[in-house]
Amino acid sequence: MDWNDFLTGLALYLVLEGILPFLSPEGWRRSMSLIAGLPARQLRIFGLASMLAGVVLLAFVRSGT
């Protein structure tokens, strides 16, 4: 992996993160307040599931090259 791959991934992440607040600011605000009210354990489980999904997707994409 080189810096170009890392920066490409970071740029894509920022684009995806910006879609919801751009399209529906009020819906995004409601979602964030609901997420902020979740217990720490649920947030950790959600974070772990997201990381695992990302690793699996990355491995799948990288195995094709």
N, C-alpha and C. Protein backbone atom coordinates (compact mmCIF):
# COMPACT_ATOMS: atom_id res chain seq x y z
N MET A 1 0.86 -1.18 0.00
CA MET A 1 0.00 0.00 0.00
C MET A 1 0.89 1.24 0.00
N ASP A 2 0.53 2.19 -0.80
CA ASP A 2 1.27 3.44 -0.80
C ASP A 2 0.35 4.57 -0.34
N TRP A 3 0.92 5.75 -0.24
CA TRP A 3 0.16 6.91 0.25
C TRP A 3 -1.01 7.24 -0.66
N ASN A 4 -0.87 6.98 -1.94
CA ASN A 4 -1.95 7.28 -2.88
C ASN A 4 -3.20 6.46 -2.54
N ASP A 5 -3.02 5.17 -2.23
CA ASP A 5 -4.15 4.33 -1.83
C ASP A 5 -4.79 4.84 -0.54
N PHE A 6 -3.96 5.18 0.42
CA PHE A 6 -4.47 5.67 1.71
C PHE A 6 -5.26 6.96 1.52
N LEU A 7 -4.72 7.90 0.78
CA LEU A 7 -5.40 9.18 0.58
C LEU A 7 -6.66 9.02 -0.26
N THR A 8 -6.66 8.08 -1.20
CA THR A 8 -7.87 7.80 -1.98
C THR A 8 -8.97 7.27 -1.07
N GLY A 9 -8.60 6.35 -0.17
CA GLY A 9 -9.57 5.81 0.78
C GLY A 9 -10.10 6.88 1.72
N LEU A 10 -9.22 7.74 2.19
CA LEU A 10 -9.63 8.83 3.07
C LEU A 10 -10.58 9.79 2.35
N ALA A 11 -10.26 10.10 1.11
CA ALA A 11 -11.13 11.00 0.34
C ALA A 11 -12.50 10.39 0.13
N LEU A 12 -12.56 9.10 -0.19
CA LEU A 12 -13.84 8.43 -0.37
C LEU A 12 -14.63 8.41 0.93
N TYR A 13 -13.95 8.17 2.04
CA TYR A 13 -14.60 8.19 3.35
C TYR A 13 -15.25 9.56 3.61
N LEU A 14 -14.51 10.63 3.33
CA LEU A 14 -15.04 11.97 3.56
C LEU A 14 -16.24 12.27 2.68
N VAL A 15 -16.19 11.82 1.44
CA VAL A 15 -17.34 12.01 0.54
C VAL A 15 -18.56 11.28 1.09
N LEU A 16 -18.38 10.01 1.47
CA LEU A 16 -19.50 9.23 1.99
C LEU A 16 -20.05 9.81 3.29
N GLU A 17 -19.17 10.28 4.15
CA GLU A 17 -19.62 10.88 5.41
C GLU A 17 -20.40 12.17 5.19
N GLY A 18 -20.13 12.86 4.13
CA GLY A 18 -20.80 14.13 3.87
C GLY A 18 -22.12 14.03 3.16
N ILE A 19 -22.45 12.86 2.62
CA ILE A 19 -23.68 12.71 1.83
C ILE A 19 -24.93 12.97 2.67
N LEU A 20 -25.05 12.29 3.82
CA LEU A 20 -26.27 12.44 4.62
C LEU A 20 -26.48 13.86 5.16
N PRO A 21 -25.46 14.48 5.76
CA PRO A 21 -25.70 15.86 6.23
C PRO A 21 -26.04 16.81 5.09
N PHE A 22 -25.51 16.54 3.90
CA PHE A 22 -25.82 17.41 2.76
C PHE A 22 -27.25 17.20 2.28
N LEU A 23 -27.68 15.94 2.16
CA LEU A 23 -29.00 15.65 1.61
C LEU A 23 -30.13 15.87 2.62
N SER A 24 -29.88 15.54 3.88
CA SER A 24 -30.93 15.64 4.90
C SER A 24 -30.34 16.08 6.23
N PRO A 25 -30.08 17.37 6.39
CA PRO A 25 -29.45 17.83 7.64
C PRO A 25 -30.26 17.52 8.89
N GLU A 26 -31.57 17.66 8.80
CA GLU A 26 -32.40 17.40 9.99
C GLU A 26 -32.45 15.92 10.32
N GLY A 27 -32.55 15.08 9.31
CA GLY A 27 -32.52 13.63 9.54
C GLY A 27 -31.19 13.19 10.12
N TRP A 28 -30.12 13.78 9.63
CA TRP A 28 -28.79 13.46 10.14
C TRP A 28 -28.67 13.90 11.60
N ARG A 29 -29.19 15.07 11.92
CA ARG A 29 -29.14 15.58 13.30
C ARG A 29 -29.91 14.66 14.24
N ARG A 30 -31.10 14.21 13.82
CA ARG A 30 -31.89 13.29 14.65
C ARG A 30 -31.14 11.97 14.85
N SER A 31 -30.55 11.47 13.79
CA SER A 31 -29.80 10.21 13.88
C SER A 31 -28.63 10.34 14.86
N MET A 32 -27.92 11.45 14.78
CA MET A 32 -26.77 11.65 15.66
C MET A 32 -27.20 11.76 17.12
N SER A 33 -28.33 12.40 17.37
CA SER A 33 -28.78 12.50 18.76
C SER A 33 -29.24 11.15 19.28
N LEU A 34 -29.83 10.31 18.43
CA LEU A 34 -30.20 8.96 18.86
C LEU A 34 -28.95 8.13 19.15
N ILE A 35 -27.95 8.23 18.28
CA ILE A 35 -26.71 7.48 18.47
C ILE A 35 -26.00 7.95 19.74
N ALA A 36 -26.02 9.25 19.99
CA ALA A 36 -25.35 9.79 21.18
C ALA A 36 -25.99 9.27 22.46
N GLY A 37 -27.25 8.89 22.40
CA GLY A 37 -27.95 8.38 23.58
C GLY A 37 -27.77 6.89 23.83
N LEU A 38 -27.10 6.20 22.92
CA LEU A 38 -26.90 4.76 23.10
C LEU A 38 -25.86 4.49 24.20
N PRO A 39 -26.02 3.38 24.89
CA PRO A 39 -25.00 3.00 25.88
C PRO A 39 -23.66 2.71 25.21
N ALA A 40 -22.60 2.87 25.97
CA ALA A 40 -21.24 2.67 25.43
C ALA A 40 -21.07 1.27 24.86
N ARG A 41 -21.64 0.28 25.49
CA ARG A 41 -21.50 -1.10 25.00
C ARG A 41 -22.06 -1.26 23.60
N GLN A 42 -23.23 -0.68 23.34
CA GLN A 42 -23.83 -0.78 22.01
C GLN A 42 -23.00 -0.03 20.97
N LEU A 43 -22.46 1.11 21.36
CA LEU A 43 -21.60 1.85 20.43
C LEU A 43 -20.34 1.05 20.09
N ARG A 44 -19.77 0.40 21.09
CA ARG A 44 -18.58 -0.42 20.85
C ARG A 44 -18.89 -1.59 19.92
N ILE A 45 -20.02 -2.23 20.14
CA ILE A 45 -20.42 -3.35 19.28
C ILE A 45 -20.64 -2.86 17.85
N PHE A 46 -21.29 -1.73 17.69
CA PHE A 46 -21.51 -1.17 16.37
C PHE A 46 -20.18 -0.81 15.71
N GLY A 47 -19.27 -0.21 16.49
CA GLY A 47 -17.95 0.14 15.96
C GLY A 47 -17.17 -1.10 15.54
N LEU A 48 -17.21 -2.15 16.35
CA LEU A 48 -16.52 -3.39 16.01
C LEU A 48 -17.10 -4.01 14.75
N ALA A 49 -18.43 -4.02 14.64
CA ALA A 49 -19.07 -4.58 13.44
C ALA A 49 -18.68 -3.78 12.20
N SER A 50 -18.61 -2.47 12.33
CA SER A 50 -18.20 -1.63 11.19
C SER A 50 -16.77 -1.92 10.79
N MET A 51 -15.88 -2.03 11.77
CA MET A 51 -14.47 -2.32 11.46
C MET A 51 -14.33 -3.68 10.79
N LEU A 52 -15.02 -4.69 11.32
CA LEU A 52 -14.93 -6.02 10.72
C LEU A 52 -15.48 -6.03 9.30
N ALA A 53 -16.59 -5.34 9.08
CA ALA A 53 -17.14 -5.25 7.72
C ALA A 53 -16.14 -4.57 6.78
N GLY A 54 -15.49 -3.54 7.26
CA GLY A 54 -14.50 -2.84 6.46
C GLY A 54 -13.31 -3.71 6.12
N VAL A 55 -12.83 -4.48 7.10
CA VAL A 55 -11.69 -5.38 6.87
C VAL A 55 -12.07 -6.47 5.86
N VAL A 56 -13.25 -7.03 6.01
CA VAL A 56 -13.70 -8.06 5.08
C VAL A 56 -13.84 -7.48 3.67
N LEU A 57 -14.43 -6.32 3.55
CA LEU A 57 -14.58 -5.69 2.24
C LEU A 57 -13.22 -5.36 1.63
N LEU A 58 -12.31 -4.85 2.43
CA LEU A 58 -10.97 -4.53 1.94
C LEU A 58 -10.24 -5.79 1.48
N ALA A 59 -10.34 -6.85 2.24
CA ALA A 59 -9.71 -8.11 1.85
C ALA A 59 -10.31 -8.63 0.54
N PHE A 60 -11.62 -8.53 0.41
CA PHE A 60 -12.29 -8.96 -0.81
C PHE A 60 -11.83 -8.15 -2.02
N VAL A 61 -11.77 -6.84 -1.86
CA VAL A 61 -11.36 -5.96 -2.96
C VAL A 61 -9.91 -6.21 -3.31
N ARG A 62 -9.04 -6.32 -2.31
CA ARG A 62 -7.61 -6.52 -2.54
C ARG A 62 -7.28 -7.88 -3.11
N SER A 63 -8.12 -8.87 -2.85
CA SER A 63 -7.83 -10.22 -3.36
C SER A 63 -8.04 -10.30 -4.88
N GLY A 64 -8.80 -9.37 -5.41
CA GLY A 64 -9.07 -9.36 -6.85
C GLY A 64 -7.96 -8.71 -7.67
N THR A 65 -6.97 -8.09 -7.03
CA THR A 65 -5.90 -7.42 -7.78
C THR A 65 -4.61 -8.18 -7.74
